[in-house]
Structures are given as C-alpha cells and as structure tokens.
Amino acid sequence: MVENAVFSHLLGNGYRVHVGVLGDKEVDFVALKGEKTVYIQVALTVGNKETRAQEFSNLTLLEDNYEKIVVSLDPMVMDYKSIKHFRLDDFFINFR
C-alpha cells in the first residue's frame, strides 16, 4: 500500500514512473519529469539494520548524481550519504 501511495503521488505530480533494474538489484521507482530524474525506494520501515542496508544499498550502487530517496513509515528519518529519507506524510507534502 505504501508503494501504491508513492506511485499515485508521483503520477499525480506529473512524473513518468518506471521500475529501475541494476544487475540483480531493483529500484522501486525511477521518476522522470522534464529534465529531473529521481530514484525512490519504498519500505514500511528501515528501522532494523538488514532492511536499512537493503533499501539504501541499492541506491548507493547508482553512480550518477540524480536525487535518491527512501520513503518509509518510520517515526524518525535518517539520511544516509547523499540519500534523503522521508516519512510518507512528509514525502507527500515536500515532494513535487
């Protein structure tokens, strides 16, 4: 349901949305709007070490300078390297 909410938000804000594949890894969404490209991973939580490593690591493998975001339902956010972490409600408010 969280992925569907993010997908709907992206479409509603004029993004073209694709699933990204990097070897055997997947990026939930590659969102494109004009010249803007954003990679987005969605998770219920990144509170435990294994899930956090999985969700953020796929994005760290991307070697370009496009924006990278993780969206979750966690009560606290923790940016990692250049990857932004948003709570779902904050993503809705701040991502256009």
PDB file of N, CA and C in Angstrom:
ATOM      1  N   MET A   1       0.818  -1.193   0.000  1.00  0.00           N
ATOM      2  CA  MET A   1       0.000   0.000   0.000  1.00  0.00           C
ATOM      3  C   MET A   1       0.864   1.261   0.000  1.00  0.00           C
ATOM      4  N   VAL A   2       2.015   1.203   0.691  1.00  0.00           N
ATOM      5  CA  VAL A   2       2.882   2.381   0.727  1.00  0.00           C
ATOM      6  C   VAL A   2       3.440   2.646  -0.670  1.00  0.00           C
ATOM      7  N   GLU A   3       3.875   1.596  -1.359  1.00  0.00           N
ATOM      8  CA  GLU A   3       4.371   1.762  -2.730  1.00  0.00           C
ATOM      9  C   GLU A   3       3.286   2.342  -3.630  1.00  0.00           C
ATOM     10  N   ASN A   4       2.069   1.862  -3.509  1.00  0.00           N
ATOM     11  CA  ASN A   4       0.963   2.388  -4.325  1.00  0.00           C
ATOM     12  C   ASN A   4       0.716   3.869  -4.047  1.00  0.00           C
ATOM     13  N   ALA A   5       0.823   4.259  -2.787  1.00  0.00           N
ATOM     14  CA  ALA A   5       0.618   5.666  -2.424  1.00  0.00           C
ATOM     15  C   ALA A   5       1.711   6.545  -3.034  1.00  0.00           C
ATOM     16  N   VAL A   6       2.955   6.094  -2.973  1.00  0.00           N
ATOM     17  CA  VAL A   6       4.061   6.853  -3.564  1.00  0.00           C
ATOM     18  C   VAL A   6       3.884   6.922  -5.078  1.00  0.00           C
ATOM     19  N   PHE A   7       3.545   5.803  -5.699  1.00  0.00           N
ATOM     20  CA  PHE A   7       3.325   5.749  -7.147  1.00  0.00           C
ATOM     21  C   PHE A   7       2.228   6.735  -7.560  1.00  0.00           C
ATOM     22  N   SER A   8       1.117   6.726  -6.853  1.00  0.00           N
ATOM     23  CA  SER A   8      -0.004   7.631  -7.169  1.00  0.00           C
ATOM     24  C   SER A   8       0.399   9.089  -7.002  1.00  0.00           C
ATOM     25  N   HIS A   9       1.167   9.371  -5.966  1.00  0.00           N
ATOM     26  CA  HIS A   9       1.633  10.743  -5.724  1.00  0.00           C
ATOM     27  C   HIS A   9       2.526  11.214  -6.877  1.00  0.00           C
ATOM     28  N   LEU A  10       3.418  10.336  -7.323  1.00  0.00           N
ATOM     29  CA  LEU A  10       4.306  10.686  -8.430  1.00  0.00           C
ATOM     30  C   LEU A  10       3.509  10.962  -9.701  1.00  0.00           C
ATOM     31  N   LEU A  11       2.587  10.066 -10.031  1.00  0.00           N
ATOM     32  CA  LEU A  11       1.763  10.266 -11.226  1.00  0.00           C
ATOM     33  C   LEU A  11       0.944  11.548 -11.128  1.00  0.00           C
ATOM     34  N   GLY A  12       0.383  11.796  -9.962  1.00  0.00           N
ATOM     35  CA  GLY A  12      -0.434  12.985  -9.753  1.00  0.00           C
ATOM     36  C   GLY A  12       0.351  14.283  -9.863  1.00  0.00           C
ATOM     37  N   ASN A  13       1.660  14.185  -9.707  1.00  0.00           N
ATOM     38  CA  ASN A  13       2.519  15.367  -9.819  1.00  0.00           C
ATOM     39  C   ASN A  13       3.250  15.424 -11.155  1.00  0.00           C
ATOM     40  N   GLY A  14       2.769  14.635 -12.126  1.00  0.00           N
ATOM     41  CA  GLY A  14       3.267  14.742 -13.478  1.00  0.00           C
ATOM     42  C   GLY A  14       4.520  13.960 -13.818  1.00  0.00           C
ATOM     43  N   TYR A  15       4.894  13.015 -12.968  1.00  0.00           N
ATOM     44  CA  TYR A  15       6.076  12.196 -13.252  1.00  0.00           C
ATOM     45  C   TYR A  15       5.716  10.994 -14.118  1.00  0.00           C
ATOM     46  N   ARG A  16       6.641  10.614 -14.980  1.00  0.00           N
ATOM     47  CA  ARG A  16       6.577   9.309 -15.633  1.00  0.00           C
ATOM     48  C   ARG A  16       7.339   8.379 -14.709  1.00  0.00           C
ATOM     49  N   VAL A  17       6.810   7.199 -14.452  1.00  0.00           N
ATOM     50  CA  VAL A  17       7.390   6.320 -13.439  1.00  0.00           C
ATOM     51  C   VAL A  17       7.718   4.958 -14.035  1.00  0.00           C
ATOM     52  N   HIS A  18       8.930   4.481 -13.737  1.00  0.00           N
ATOM     53  CA  HIS A  18       9.401   3.176 -14.187  1.00  0.00           C
ATOM     54  C   HIS A  18      10.028   2.443 -13.013  1.00  0.00           C
ATOM     55  N   VAL A  19      10.167   1.142 -13.143  1.00  0.00           N
ATOM     56  CA  VAL A  19      10.940   0.344 -12.185  1.00  0.00           C
ATOM     57  C   VAL A  19      12.372   0.328 -12.693  1.00  0.00           C
ATOM     58  N   GLY A  20      13.323   0.528 -11.796  1.00  0.00           N
ATOM     59  CA  GLY A  20      14.727   0.524 -12.189  1.00  0.00           C
ATOM     60  C   GLY A  20      15.374  -0.817 -11.903  1.00  0.00           C
ATOM     61  N   VAL A  21      16.249  -1.254 -12.800  1.00  0.00           N
ATOM     62  CA  VAL A  21      16.964  -2.515 -12.626  1.00  0.00           C
ATOM     63  C   VAL A  21      18.456  -2.240 -12.801  1.00  0.00           C
ATOM     64  N   LEU A  22      19.244  -2.710 -11.847  1.00  0.00           N
ATOM     65  CA  LEU A  22      20.693  -2.582 -11.895  1.00  0.00           C
ATOM     66  C   LEU A  22      21.272  -3.950 -11.583  1.00  0.00           C
ATOM     67  N   GLY A  23      21.584  -4.715 -12.640  1.00  0.00           N
ATOM     68  CA  GLY A  23      22.036  -6.093 -12.440  1.00  0.00           C
ATOM     69  C   GLY A  23      20.913  -6.900 -11.832  1.00  0.00           C
ATOM     70  N   ASP A  24      21.175  -7.501 -10.670  1.00  0.00           N
ATOM     71  CA  ASP A  24      20.148  -8.278  -9.978  1.00  0.00           C
ATOM     72  C   ASP A  24      19.440  -7.464  -8.891  1.00  0.00           C
ATOM     73  N   LYS A  25      19.704  -6.166  -8.845  1.00  0.00           N
ATOM     74  CA  LYS A  25      19.082  -5.266  -7.866  1.00  0.00           C
ATOM     75  C   LYS A  25      17.945  -4.500  -8.527  1.00  0.00           C
ATOM     76  N   GLU A  26      17.011  -4.048  -7.713  1.00  0.00           N
ATOM     77  CA  GLU A  26      15.877  -3.291  -8.215  1.00  0.00           C
ATOM     78  C   GLU A  26      15.733  -1.989  -7.448  1.00  0.00           C
ATOM     79  N   VAL A  27      15.371  -0.936  -8.153  1.00  0.00           N
ATOM     80  CA  VAL A  27      14.990   0.330  -7.548  1.00  0.00           C
ATOM     81  C   VAL A  27      13.486   0.447  -7.767  1.00  0.00           C
ATOM     82  N   ASP A  28      12.751   0.676  -6.701  1.00  0.00           N
ATOM     83  CA  ASP A  28      11.292   0.663  -6.794  1.00  0.00           C
ATOM     84  C   ASP A  28      10.776   1.585  -7.889  1.00  0.00           C
ATOM     85  N   PHE A  29      11.237   2.839  -7.893  1.00  0.00           N
ATOM     86  CA  PHE A  29      10.753   3.790  -8.878  1.00  0.00           C
ATOM     87  C   PHE A  29      11.876   4.650  -9.422  1.00  0.00           C
ATOM     88  N   VAL A  30      11.848   4.852 -10.725  1.00  0.00           N
ATOM     89  CA  VAL A  30      12.645   5.883 -11.378  1.00  0.00           C
ATOM     90  C   VAL A  30      11.615   6.874 -11.889  1.00  0.00           C
ATOM     91  N   ALA A  31      11.607   8.061 -11.293  1.00  0.00           N
ATOM     92  CA  ALA A  31      10.602   9.074 -11.619  1.00  0.00           C
ATOM     93  C   ALA A  31      11.232  10.134 -12.508  1.00  0.00           C
ATOM     94  N   LEU A  32      10.562  10.418 -13.630  1.00  0.00           N
ATOM     95  CA  LEU A  32      11.070  11.364 -14.620  1.00  0.00           C
ATOM     96  C   LEU A  32      10.052  12.474 -14.863  1.00  0.00           C
ATOM     97  N   LYS A  33      10.548  13.714 -14.841  1.00  0.00           N
ATOM     98  CA  LYS A  33       9.676  14.867 -15.098  1.00  0.00           C
ATOM     99  C   LYS A  33      10.547  15.954 -15.729  1.00  0.00           C
ATOM    100  N   GLY A  34      10.341  16.179 -17.003  1.00  0.00           N
ATOM    101  CA  GLY A  34      11.201  17.120 -17.708  1.00  0.00           C
ATOM    102  C   GLY A  34      12.640  16.630 -17.662  1.00  0.00           C
ATOM    103  N   GLU A  35      13.546  17.464 -17.182  1.00  0.00           N
ATOM    104  CA  GLU A  35      14.964  17.099 -17.059  1.00  0.00           C
ATOM    105  C   GLU A  35      15.283  16.444 -15.719  1.00  0.00           C
ATOM    106  N   LYS A  36      14.295  16.339 -14.838  1.00  0.00           N
ATOM    107  CA  LYS A  36      14.505  15.818 -13.483  1.00  0.00           C
ATOM    108  C   LYS A  36      14.350  14.297 -13.454  1.00  0.00           C
ATOM    109  N   THR A  37      15.310  13.624 -12.822  1.00  0.00           N
ATOM    110  CA  THR A  37      15.247  12.177 -12.587  1.00  0.00           C
ATOM    111  C   THR A  37      15.468  11.931 -11.108  1.00  0.00           C
ATOM    112  N   VAL A  38      14.623  11.102 -10.508  1.00  0.00           N
ATOM    113  CA  VAL A  38      14.729  10.775  -9.086  1.00  0.00           C
ATOM    114  C   VAL A  38      14.565   9.277  -8.924  1.00  0.00           C
ATOM    115  N   TYR A  39      15.447   8.671  -8.109  1.00  0.00           N
ATOM    116  CA  TYR A  39      15.342   7.254  -7.754  1.00  0.00           C
ATOM    117  C   TYR A  39      14.684   7.166  -6.383  1.00  0.00           C
ATOM    118  N   ILE A  40      13.687   6.268  -6.245  1.00  0.00           N
ATOM    119  CA  ILE A  40      12.945   6.168  -4.989  1.00  0.00           C
ATOM    120  C   ILE A  40      12.796   4.713  -4.572  1.00  0.00           C
ATOM    121  N   GLN A  41      13.194   4.429  -3.339  1.00  0.00           N
ATOM    122  CA  GLN A  41      12.960   3.133  -2.695  1.00  0.00           C
ATOM    123  C   GLN A  41      11.858   3.338  -1.667  1.00  0.00           C
ATOM    124  N   VAL A  42      10.976   2.375  -1.519  1.00  0.00           N
ATOM    125  CA  VAL A  42       9.868   2.464  -0.565  1.00  0.00           C
ATOM    126  C   VAL A  42       9.919   1.261   0.360  1.00  0.00           C
ATOM    127  N   ALA A  43       9.755   1.509   1.660  1.00  0.00           N
ATOM    128  CA  ALA A  43       9.755   0.426   2.648  1.00  0.00           C
ATOM    129  C   ALA A  43       8.790   0.777   3.773  1.00  0.00           C
ATOM    130  N   LEU A  44       8.219  -0.239   4.396  1.00  0.00           N
ATOM    131  CA  LEU A  44       7.401   0.029   5.580  1.00  0.00           C
ATOM    132  C   LEU A  44       8.268   0.640   6.665  1.00  0.00           C
ATOM    133  N   THR A  45       9.446   0.050   6.863  1.00  0.00           N
ATOM    134  CA  THR A  45      10.368   0.531   7.879  1.00  0.00           C
ATOM    135  C   THR A  45      11.804   0.268   7.437  1.00  0.00           C
ATOM    136  N   VAL A  46      12.685   1.109   7.874  1.00  0.00           N
ATOM    137  CA  VAL A  46      14.116   0.860   7.706  1.00  0.00           C
ATOM    138  C   VAL A  46      14.768   0.868   9.091  1.00  0.00           C
ATOM    139  N   GLY A  47      13.954   0.513  10.085  1.00  0.00           N
ATOM    140  CA  GLY A  47      14.391   0.535  11.468  1.00  0.00           C
ATOM    141  C   GLY A  47      15.402  -0.531  11.832  1.00  0.00           C
ATOM    142  N   ASN A  48      15.346  -1.695  11.165  1.00  0.00           N
ATOM    143  CA  ASN A  48      16.338  -2.708  11.507  1.00  0.00           C
ATOM    144  C   ASN A  48      17.491  -2.662  10.512  1.00  0.00           C
ATOM    145  N   LYS A  49      18.625  -3.107  10.958  1.00  0.00           N
ATOM    146  CA  LYS A  49      19.881  -2.991  10.204  1.00  0.00           C
ATOM    147  C   LYS A  49      19.814  -3.648   8.823  1.00  0.00           C
ATOM    148  N   GLU A  50      19.209  -4.822   8.731  1.00  0.00           N
ATOM    149  CA  GLU A  50      19.155  -5.552   7.467  1.00  0.00           C
ATOM    150  C   GLU A  50      18.296  -4.821   6.430  1.00  0.00           C
ATOM    151  N   THR A  51      17.131  -4.371   6.847  1.00  0.00           N
ATOM    152  CA  THR A  51      16.244  -3.662   5.928  1.00  0.00           C
ATOM    153  C   THR A  51      16.866  -2.341   5.499  1.00  0.00           C
ATOM    154  N   ARG A  52      17.459  -1.632   6.439  1.00  0.00           N
ATOM    155  CA  ARG A  52      18.107  -0.363   6.128  1.00  0.00           C
ATOM    156  C   ARG A  52      19.213  -0.580   5.096  1.00  0.00           C
ATOM    157  N   ALA A  53      20.032  -1.602   5.295  1.00  0.00           N
ATOM    158  CA  ALA A  53      21.115  -1.900   4.357  1.00  0.00           C
ATOM    159  C   ALA A  53      20.556  -2.215   2.976  1.00  0.00           C
ATOM    160  N   GLN A  54      19.490  -2.982   2.919  1.00  0.00           N
ATOM    161  CA  GLN A  54      18.890  -3.367   1.637  1.00  0.00           C
ATOM    162  C   GLN A  54      18.324  -2.157   0.902  1.00  0.00           C
ATOM    163  N   GLU A  55      17.566  -1.345   1.591  1.00  0.00           N
ATOM    164  CA  GLU A  55      16.887  -0.227   0.934  1.00  0.00           C
ATOM    165  C   GLU A  55      17.863   0.868   0.500  1.00  0.00           C
ATOM    166  N   PHE A  56      18.839   1.188   1.330  1.00  0.00           N
ATOM    167  CA  PHE A  56      19.789   2.242   0.982  1.00  0.00           C
ATOM    168  C   PHE A  56      20.877   1.743   0.037  1.00  0.00           C
ATOM    169  N   SER A  57      21.272   0.470   0.154  1.00  0.00           N
ATOM    170  CA  SER A  57      22.415  -0.014  -0.636  1.00  0.00           C
ATOM    171  C   SER A  57      22.126  -0.031  -2.131  1.00  0.00           C
ATOM    172  N   ASN A  58      20.902  -0.372  -2.519  1.00  0.00           N
ATOM    173  CA  ASN A  58      20.577  -0.351  -3.950  1.00  0.00           C
ATOM    174  C   ASN A  58      20.817   1.035  -4.537  1.00  0.00           C
ATOM    175  N   LEU A  59      20.479   2.058  -3.766  1.00  0.00           N
ATOM    176  CA  LEU A  59      20.654   3.422  -4.261  1.00  0.00           C
ATOM    177  C   LEU A  59      22.123   3.841  -4.272  1.00  0.00           C
ATOM    178  N   THR A  60      22.915   3.336  -3.344  1.00  0.00           N
ATOM    179  CA  THR A  60      24.338   3.704  -3.324  1.00  0.00           C
ATOM    180  C   THR A  60      25.087   3.120  -4.512  1.00  0.00           C
ATOM    181  N   LEU A  61      24.545   2.094  -5.140  1.00  0.00           N
ATOM    182  CA  LEU A  61      25.190   1.488  -6.305  1.00  0.00           C
ATOM    183  C   LEU A  61      25.041   2.336  -7.565  1.00  0.00           C
ATOM    184  N   LEU A  62      24.097   3.255  -7.552  1.00  0.00           N
ATOM    185  CA  LEU A  62      23.874   4.124  -8.709  1.00  0.00           C
ATOM    186  C   LEU A  62      24.940   5.210  -8.721  1.00  0.00           C
ATOM    187  N   GLU A  63      25.679   5.276  -9.803  1.00  0.00           N
ATOM    188  CA  GLU A  63      26.855   6.140  -9.844  1.00  0.00           C
ATOM    189  C   GLU A  63      26.629   7.466 -10.563  1.00  0.00           C
ATOM    190  N   ASP A  64      25.388   7.903 -10.651  1.00  0.00           N
ATOM    191  CA  ASP A  64      25.134   9.208 -11.241  1.00  0.00           C
ATOM    192  C   ASP A  64      24.788  10.191 -10.126  1.00  0.00           C
ATOM    193  N   ASN A  65      24.462  11.391 -10.489  1.00  0.00           N
ATOM    194  CA  ASN A  65      24.193  12.428  -9.482  1.00  0.00           C
ATOM    195  C   ASN A  65      22.721  12.781  -9.344  1.00  0.00           C
ATOM    196  N   TYR A  66      21.837  11.878  -9.805  1.00  0.00           N
ATOM    197  CA  TYR A  66      20.418  12.145  -9.655  1.00  0.00           C
ATOM    198  C   TYR A  66      20.006  11.974  -8.194  1.00  0.00           C
ATOM    199  N   GLU A  67      18.930  12.644  -7.821  1.00  0.00           N
ATOM    200  CA  GLU A  67      18.423  12.584  -6.455  1.00  0.00           C
ATOM    201  C   GLU A  67      17.989  11.156  -6.111  1.00  0.00           C
ATOM    202  N   LYS A  68      18.308  10.737  -4.883  1.00  0.00           N
ATOM    203  CA  LYS A  68      17.962   9.401  -4.392  1.00  0.00           C
ATOM    204  C   LYS A  68      17.207   9.556  -3.080  1.00  0.00           C
ATOM    205  N   ILE A  69      16.073   8.842  -2.972  1.00  0.00           N
ATOM    206  CA  ILE A  69      15.183   8.995  -1.821  1.00  0.00           C
ATOM    207  C   ILE A  69      14.719   7.631  -1.334  1.00  0.00           C
ATOM    208  N   VAL A  70      14.617   7.488  -0.006  1.00  0.00           N
ATOM    209  CA  VAL A  70      13.941   6.344   0.613  1.00  0.00           C
ATOM    210  C   VAL A  70      12.725   6.904   1.342  1.00  0.00           C
ATOM    211  N   VAL A  71      11.567   6.271   1.135  1.00  0.00           N
ATOM    212  CA  VAL A  71      10.321   6.672   1.789  1.00  0.00           C
ATOM    213  C   VAL A  71       9.873   5.520   2.674  1.00  0.00           C
ATOM    214  N   SER A  72       9.531   5.825   3.937  1.00  0.00           N
ATOM    215  CA  SER A  72       9.078   4.779   4.861  1.00  0.00           C
ATOM    216  C   SER A  72       8.065   5.360   5.844  1.00  0.00           C
ATOM    217  N   LEU A  73       7.563   4.496   6.699  1.00  0.00           N
ATOM    218  CA  LEU A  73       6.622   4.910   7.739  1.00  0.00           C
ATOM    219  C   LEU A  73       7.304   5.113   9.085  1.00  0.00           C
ATOM    220  N   ASP A  74       8.625   5.059   9.116  1.00  0.00           N
ATOM    221  CA  ASP A  74       9.360   5.196  10.373  1.00  0.00           C
ATOM    222  C   ASP A  74       9.076   6.537  11.041  1.00  0.00           C
ATOM    223  N   PRO A  75       9.012   6.554  12.387  1.00  0.00           N
ATOM    224  CA  PRO A  75       8.751   7.820  13.084  1.00  0.00           C
ATOM    225  C   PRO A  75       9.929   8.788  12.991  1.00  0.00           C
ATOM    226  N   MET A  76      11.140   8.265  12.801  1.00  0.00           N
ATOM    227  CA  MET A  76      12.322   9.113  12.669  1.00  0.00           C
ATOM    228  C   MET A  76      12.976   8.824  11.323  1.00  0.00           C
ATOM    229  N   VAL A  77      13.570   9.838  10.731  1.00  0.00           N
ATOM    230  CA  VAL A  77      14.254   9.657   9.456  1.00  0.00           C
ATOM    231  C   VAL A  77      15.755   9.738   9.662  1.00  0.00           C
ATOM    232  N   MET A  78      16.470   9.060   8.781  1.00  0.00           N
ATOM    233  CA  MET A  78      17.930   9.049   8.882  1.00  0.00           C
ATOM    234  C   MET A  78      18.519   9.079   7.480  1.00  0.00           C
ATOM    235  N   ASP A  79      18.932  10.265   7.034  1.00  0.00           N
ATOM    236  CA  ASP A  79      19.576  10.362   5.732  1.00  0.00           C
ATOM    237  C   ASP A  79      20.860   9.544   5.781  1.00  0.00           C
ATOM    238  N   TYR A  80      21.266   9.023   4.634  1.00  0.00           N
ATOM    239  CA  TYR A  80      22.472   8.205   4.553  1.00  0.00           C
ATOM    240  C   TYR A  80      23.259   8.634   3.333  1.00  0.00           C
ATOM    241  N   LYS A  81      24.497   9.063   3.575  1.00  0.00           N
ATOM    242  CA  LYS A  81      25.329   9.607   2.498  1.00  0.00           C
ATOM    243  C   LYS A  81      24.517  10.698   1.811  1.00  0.00           C
ATOM    244  N   SER A  82      24.313  10.627   0.523  1.00  0.00           N
ATOM    245  CA  SER A  82      23.540  11.673  -0.168  1.00  0.00           C
ATOM    246  C   SER A  82      22.093  11.243  -0.403  1.00  0.00           C
ATOM    247  N   ILE A  83      21.656  10.182   0.256  1.00  0.00           N
ATOM    248  CA  ILE A  83      20.299   9.660   0.078  1.00  0.00           C
ATOM    249  C   ILE A  83      19.389  10.269   1.146  1.00  0.00           C
ATOM    250  N   LYS A  84      18.311  10.901   0.690  1.00  0.00           N
ATOM    251  CA  LYS A  84      17.352  11.501   1.614  1.00  0.00           C
ATOM    252  C   LYS A  84      16.358  10.441   2.072  1.00  0.00           C
ATOM    253  N   HIS A  85      15.942  10.548   3.320  1.00  0.00           N
ATOM    254  CA  HIS A  85      14.945   9.638   3.882  1.00  0.00           C
ATOM    255  C   HIS A  85      13.749  10.478   4.308  1.00  0.00           C
ATOM    256  N   PHE A  86      12.562  10.128   3.800  1.00  0.00           N
ATOM    257  CA  PHE A  86      11.331  10.840   4.132  1.00  0.00           C
ATOM    258  C   PHE A  86      10.338   9.895   4.789  1.00  0.00           C
ATOM    259  N   ARG A  87       9.614  10.415   5.785  1.00  0.00           N
ATOM    260  CA  ARG A  87       8.389   9.746   6.227  1.00  0.00           C
ATOM    261  C   ARG A  87       7.381   9.931   5.102  1.00  0.00           C
ATOM    262  N   LEU A  88       6.462   9.010   4.959  1.00  0.00           N
ATOM    263  CA  LEU A  88       5.493   9.074   3.868  1.00  0.00           C
ATOM    264  C   LEU A  88       4.735  10.399   3.845  1.00  0.00           C
ATOM    265  N   ASP A  89       4.246  10.845   4.993  1.00  0.00           N
ATOM    266  CA  ASP A  89       3.477  12.095   5.015  1.00  0.00           C
ATOM    267  C   ASP A  89       4.339  13.295   4.625  1.00  0.00           C
ATOM    268  N   ASP A  90       5.588  13.324   5.031  1.00  0.00           N
ATOM    269  CA  ASP A  90       6.488  14.407   4.643  1.00  0.00           C
ATOM    270  C   ASP A  90       6.804  14.351   3.141  1.00  0.00           C
ATOM    271  N   PHE A  91       6.893  13.155   2.601  1.00  0.00           N
ATOM    272  CA  PHE A  91       7.112  12.998   1.168  1.00  0.00           C
ATOM    273  C   PHE A  91       5.948  13.625   0.398  1.00  0.00           C
ATOM    274  N   PHE A  92       4.723  13.358   0.826  1.00  0.00           N
ATOM    275  CA  PHE A  92       3.547  13.929   0.166  1.00  0.00           C
ATOM    276  C   PHE A  92       3.576  15.452   0.187  1.00  0.00           C
ATOM    277  N   ILE A  93       3.996  16.017   1.304  1.00  0.00           N
ATOM    278  CA  ILE A  93       3.999  17.470   1.464  1.00  0.00           C
ATOM    279  C   ILE A  93       5.148  18.127   0.698  1.00  0.00           C
ATOM    280  N   ASN A  94       6.328  17.522   0.738  1.00  0.00           N
ATOM    281  CA  ASN A  94       7.538  18.188   0.240  1.00  0.00           C
ATOM    282  C   ASN A  94       8.018  17.777  -1.136  1.00  0.00           C
ATOM    283  N   PHE A  95       7.495  16.692  -1.682  1.00  0.00           N
ATOM    284  CA  PHE A  95       7.995  16.230  -2.979  1.00  0.00           C
ATOM    285  C   PHE A  95       6.992  16.558  -4.063  1.00  0.00           C
ATOM    286  N   ARG A  96       7.404  17.381  -4.989  1.00  0.00           N
ATOM    287  CA  ARG A  96       6.537  17.774  -6.110  1.00  0.00           C
ATOM    288  C   ARG A  96       7.250  17.576  -7.411  1.00  0.00           C
TER     289      ARG A  96
END
